[in-house]
Each structure stands twice: as C-alpha cells, then as structure tokens.
C-alpha cells in the first residue's frame, strides 16, 4: 500500500519502522487493551528526518498508529502523518 501511495504523490518509500515486540490480534480488544497491546512494539531503524507518512490498512481506535508515530518523532522527524484506507464504525 505504501508503494502505491508513494507513487501517486511522487515520494520515496523508506522502511524506517520496525516491529520489536510480537502483539496479539486486536480484533476483540477494548480501546485501552489495544493501547497496552502495542505499547513498546515499534522502533525506528536509525535516524529519521523531515516529514513522515505512515500508511495503514484499517483505523479502529488509533492505538497502533499512535504508537507507530511516537518513535519517528523521538528519532528526529519534524512531522508524522497517517493515512489509512479503511475505518471501522
């Protein structure tokens, strides 16, 4: 998905986010349980500069996107934006 979006906006794809903790499936978890489930689950691969766009498949509570945005900010990114293709209601 990220490659498709990057192609449309003429931006490079940089795989700077890495998973460092296995998490369980979040389908049946509450909002708070989702936040706890993904806490500390991601890190960056080296320094990150400029602006970043995190592309995801589904936005439910925002727990995963929030956690994923935290580390690039700590690694030096000026701005972190998010784009998801689906939202649960």
N, C-alpha and C. Protein backbone atom coordinates (compact mmCIF):
# COMPACT_ATOMS: atom_id res chain seq x y z
N UNK A 1 0.82 -1.19 0.00
CA UNK A 1 0.00 0.00 0.00
C UNK A 1 0.86 1.25 0.00
N UNK A 2 1.92 1.24 0.80
CA UNK A 2 2.78 2.41 0.89
C UNK A 2 3.42 2.74 -0.46
N UNK A 3 3.82 1.72 -1.19
CA UNK A 3 4.43 1.96 -2.50
C UNK A 3 3.42 2.59 -3.46
N UNK A 4 2.18 2.15 -3.41
CA UNK A 4 1.14 2.72 -4.26
C UNK A 4 0.88 4.18 -3.94
N UNK A 5 0.79 4.50 -2.66
CA UNK A 5 0.57 5.88 -2.23
C UNK A 5 1.78 6.74 -2.60
N UNK A 6 2.96 6.24 -2.34
CA UNK A 6 4.19 6.99 -2.64
C UNK A 6 4.29 7.30 -4.14
N UNK A 7 3.91 6.33 -4.96
CA UNK A 7 3.94 6.56 -6.40
C UNK A 7 2.99 7.66 -6.82
N UNK A 8 1.82 7.71 -6.20
CA UNK A 8 0.82 8.73 -6.55
C UNK A 8 1.26 10.12 -6.12
N UNK A 9 1.97 10.24 -5.01
CA UNK A 9 2.39 11.56 -4.53
C UNK A 9 3.86 11.85 -4.84
N UNK A 10 4.47 10.96 -5.61
CA UNK A 10 5.87 11.11 -6.03
C UNK A 10 6.80 11.32 -4.84
N UNK A 11 6.74 10.37 -3.91
CA UNK A 11 7.58 10.42 -2.71
C UNK A 11 8.29 9.07 -2.56
N UNK A 12 9.45 9.06 -1.93
CA UNK A 12 10.16 7.80 -1.72
C UNK A 12 9.52 6.98 -0.59
N UNK A 13 9.73 5.68 -0.64
CA UNK A 13 9.30 4.79 0.44
C UNK A 13 10.54 4.45 1.25
N UNK A 14 10.50 4.77 2.52
CA UNK A 14 11.60 4.45 3.42
C UNK A 14 11.05 3.55 4.51
N UNK A 15 11.59 2.38 4.63
CA UNK A 15 11.13 1.42 5.63
C UNK A 15 11.90 1.65 6.91
N UNK A 16 11.53 2.68 7.65
CA UNK A 16 12.26 3.06 8.86
C UNK A 16 11.63 2.53 10.14
N UNK A 17 10.43 1.97 10.05
CA UNK A 17 9.75 1.47 11.24
C UNK A 17 9.92 -0.04 11.33
N UNK A 18 10.29 -0.52 12.49
CA UNK A 18 10.42 -1.97 12.65
C UNK A 18 9.63 -2.45 13.86
N UNK A 19 9.13 -3.65 13.75
CA UNK A 19 8.40 -4.29 14.84
C UNK A 19 9.42 -4.92 15.78
N UNK A 20 9.33 -4.61 17.06
CA UNK A 20 10.27 -5.17 18.02
C UNK A 20 9.59 -6.03 19.08
N UNK A 21 8.27 -6.11 19.02
CA UNK A 21 7.52 -6.87 20.01
C UNK A 21 6.32 -7.52 19.33
N UNK A 22 6.18 -8.81 19.51
CA UNK A 22 5.01 -9.50 18.95
C UNK A 22 3.78 -9.10 19.76
N UNK A 23 2.72 -8.78 19.07
CA UNK A 23 1.47 -8.42 19.74
C UNK A 23 0.39 -9.41 19.35
N UNK A 24 -0.65 -9.48 20.16
CA UNK A 24 -1.75 -10.37 19.82
C UNK A 24 -2.75 -9.65 18.92
N UNK A 25 -3.61 -10.40 18.27
CA UNK A 25 -4.64 -9.84 17.40
C UNK A 25 -5.52 -8.90 18.22
N UNK A 26 -5.86 -7.75 17.66
CA UNK A 26 -6.58 -6.73 18.42
C UNK A 26 -8.09 -6.71 18.18
N UNK A 27 -8.59 -7.60 17.36
CA UNK A 27 -9.99 -7.57 16.95
C UNK A 27 -10.95 -7.52 18.13
N UNK A 28 -10.72 -8.31 19.16
CA UNK A 28 -11.67 -8.39 20.28
C UNK A 28 -11.23 -7.57 21.49
N UNK A 29 -10.22 -6.72 21.34
CA UNK A 29 -9.71 -5.95 22.47
C UNK A 29 -10.41 -4.60 22.58
N UNK A 30 -10.52 -4.10 23.81
CA UNK A 30 -11.07 -2.76 24.04
C UNK A 30 -10.03 -1.72 23.63
N UNK A 31 -10.44 -0.45 23.63
CA UNK A 31 -9.51 0.63 23.27
C UNK A 31 -8.29 0.62 24.18
N UNK A 32 -8.49 0.53 25.47
CA UNK A 32 -7.37 0.52 26.41
C UNK A 32 -6.50 -0.72 26.23
N UNK A 33 -7.11 -1.87 26.03
CA UNK A 33 -6.35 -3.10 25.82
C UNK A 33 -5.50 -3.01 24.55
N UNK A 34 -6.01 -2.35 23.53
CA UNK A 34 -5.25 -2.17 22.28
C UNK A 34 -4.02 -1.32 22.53
N UNK A 35 -4.18 -0.25 23.29
CA UNK A 35 -3.03 0.62 23.59
C UNK A 35 -1.95 -0.15 24.35
N UNK A 36 -2.37 -0.92 25.34
CA UNK A 36 -1.42 -1.73 26.13
C UNK A 36 -0.77 -2.79 25.24
N UNK A 37 -1.55 -3.39 24.37
CA UNK A 37 -1.07 -4.46 23.50
C UNK A 37 0.07 -4.00 22.59
N UNK A 38 -0.01 -2.77 22.05
CA UNK A 38 1.00 -2.30 21.10
C UNK A 38 2.10 -1.45 21.75
N UNK A 39 1.96 -1.15 23.04
CA UNK A 39 2.94 -0.31 23.73
C UNK A 39 4.34 -0.92 23.63
N UNK A 40 5.28 -0.14 23.15
CA UNK A 40 6.65 -0.60 23.02
C UNK A 40 6.89 -1.58 21.90
N UNK A 41 5.94 -1.71 21.02
CA UNK A 41 6.03 -2.71 19.94
C UNK A 41 6.79 -2.28 18.71
N UNK A 42 7.18 -1.00 18.61
CA UNK A 42 7.82 -0.49 17.40
C UNK A 42 9.04 0.35 17.75
N UNK A 43 9.95 0.43 16.80
CA UNK A 43 11.14 1.28 16.93
C UNK A 43 11.53 1.74 15.53
N UNK A 44 12.47 2.65 15.45
CA UNK A 44 12.94 3.12 14.15
C UNK A 44 14.27 2.49 13.80
N UNK A 45 14.52 2.40 12.52
CA UNK A 45 15.81 1.93 12.01
C UNK A 45 16.66 3.17 11.72
N UNK A 46 17.43 3.59 12.69
CA UNK A 46 18.29 4.74 12.51
C UNK A 46 17.55 6.05 12.61
N UNK A 47 18.27 7.17 12.36
CA UNK A 47 17.66 8.49 12.46
C UNK A 47 16.62 8.72 11.36
N UNK A 48 15.67 9.57 11.67
CA UNK A 48 14.61 9.91 10.73
C UNK A 48 14.53 11.42 10.65
N UNK A 49 14.54 11.97 9.45
CA UNK A 49 14.50 13.42 9.29
C UNK A 49 13.34 13.82 8.38
N UNK A 50 12.93 15.06 8.49
CA UNK A 50 11.88 15.59 7.61
C UNK A 50 10.49 15.19 8.07
N UNK A 51 9.63 14.95 7.09
CA UNK A 51 8.24 14.58 7.37
C UNK A 51 8.02 13.11 7.04
N UNK A 52 7.11 12.48 7.77
CA UNK A 52 6.83 11.07 7.51
C UNK A 52 5.35 10.83 7.33
N UNK A 53 5.03 9.81 6.55
CA UNK A 53 3.65 9.40 6.33
C UNK A 53 3.56 7.91 6.65
N UNK A 54 2.75 7.56 7.61
CA UNK A 54 2.52 6.16 7.98
C UNK A 54 1.27 5.70 7.26
N UNK A 55 1.39 4.67 6.44
CA UNK A 55 0.26 4.14 5.68
C UNK A 55 -0.20 2.85 6.34
N UNK A 56 -1.49 2.77 6.65
CA UNK A 56 -2.03 1.60 7.30
C UNK A 56 -3.28 1.10 6.59
N UNK A 57 -3.70 -0.09 6.96
CA UNK A 57 -4.87 -0.68 6.30
C UNK A 57 -6.18 -0.28 6.97
N UNK A 58 -6.24 -0.32 8.29
CA UNK A 58 -7.50 -0.04 9.00
C UNK A 58 -7.25 0.87 10.19
N UNK A 59 -8.15 1.82 10.41
CA UNK A 59 -8.12 2.68 11.60
C UNK A 59 -9.34 2.31 12.44
N UNK A 60 -9.09 1.80 13.64
CA UNK A 60 -10.19 1.46 14.54
C UNK A 60 -10.16 2.41 15.73
N UNK A 61 -9.19 2.26 16.60
CA UNK A 61 -9.09 3.15 17.76
C UNK A 61 -7.92 4.12 17.64
N UNK A 62 -7.00 3.86 16.72
CA UNK A 62 -5.82 4.70 16.56
C UNK A 62 -4.65 4.27 17.42
N UNK A 63 -4.79 3.20 18.17
CA UNK A 63 -3.73 2.76 19.09
C UNK A 63 -2.44 2.43 18.34
N UNK A 64 -2.55 1.67 17.27
CA UNK A 64 -1.35 1.28 16.53
C UNK A 64 -0.71 2.48 15.84
N UNK A 65 -1.52 3.31 15.20
CA UNK A 65 -0.96 4.50 14.53
C UNK A 65 -0.29 5.44 15.53
N UNK A 66 -0.90 5.62 16.68
CA UNK A 66 -0.29 6.49 17.70
C UNK A 66 1.05 5.93 18.15
N UNK A 67 1.10 4.65 18.40
CA UNK A 67 2.35 4.02 18.84
C UNK A 67 3.41 4.10 17.75
N UNK A 68 3.02 3.87 16.51
CA UNK A 68 3.97 3.93 15.39
C UNK A 68 4.51 5.34 15.17
N UNK A 69 3.72 6.36 15.49
CA UNK A 69 4.15 7.74 15.29
C UNK A 69 5.10 8.23 16.37
N UNK A 70 5.06 7.61 17.52
CA UNK A 70 5.87 8.06 18.65
C UNK A 70 7.37 7.94 18.39
N UNK A 71 7.81 6.85 17.83
CA UNK A 71 9.24 6.62 17.66
C UNK A 71 9.88 7.49 16.58
N UNK A 72 9.26 7.69 15.41
CA UNK A 72 9.86 8.63 14.46
C UNK A 72 10.00 10.04 15.04
N UNK A 73 9.04 10.47 15.84
CA UNK A 73 9.16 11.79 16.46
C UNK A 73 10.37 11.85 17.37
N UNK A 74 10.59 10.79 18.14
CA UNK A 74 11.75 10.74 19.04
C UNK A 74 13.05 10.62 18.26
N UNK A 75 12.99 10.09 17.03
CA UNK A 75 14.20 9.90 16.21
C UNK A 75 14.52 11.10 15.33
N UNK A 76 13.71 12.17 15.41
CA UNK A 76 14.07 13.38 14.70
C UNK A 76 13.12 13.85 13.60
N UNK A 77 12.03 13.14 13.35
CA UNK A 77 11.09 13.57 12.33
C UNK A 77 10.40 14.86 12.75
N UNK A 78 10.24 15.79 11.80
CA UNK A 78 9.55 17.05 12.07
C UNK A 78 8.05 16.84 12.23
N UNK A 79 7.49 16.01 11.37
CA UNK A 79 6.05 15.76 11.36
C UNK A 79 5.79 14.30 11.02
N UNK A 80 4.76 13.74 11.62
CA UNK A 80 4.33 12.39 11.28
C UNK A 80 2.85 12.45 10.94
N UNK A 81 2.50 12.02 9.74
CA UNK A 81 1.10 11.99 9.30
C UNK A 81 0.69 10.54 9.10
N UNK A 82 -0.61 10.31 9.06
CA UNK A 82 -1.11 8.95 8.88
C UNK A 82 -2.18 8.92 7.80
N UNK A 83 -2.20 7.82 7.07
CA UNK A 83 -3.21 7.58 6.05
C UNK A 83 -3.66 6.14 6.19
N UNK A 84 -4.95 5.95 6.34
CA UNK A 84 -5.49 4.59 6.38
C UNK A 84 -6.55 4.45 5.29
N UNK A 85 -6.72 3.24 4.81
CA UNK A 85 -7.63 3.00 3.71
C UNK A 85 -9.03 2.66 4.18
N UNK A 86 -9.18 2.16 5.41
CA UNK A 86 -10.49 1.81 5.94
C UNK A 86 -10.61 2.28 7.38
N UNK A 87 -11.84 2.54 7.77
CA UNK A 87 -12.11 2.93 9.15
C UNK A 87 -13.28 2.09 9.64
N UNK A 88 -13.15 1.54 10.83
CA UNK A 88 -14.26 0.77 11.37
C UNK A 88 -15.24 1.72 12.05
N UNK A 89 -16.49 1.37 11.99
CA UNK A 89 -17.53 2.20 12.64
C UNK A 89 -18.41 1.37 13.54
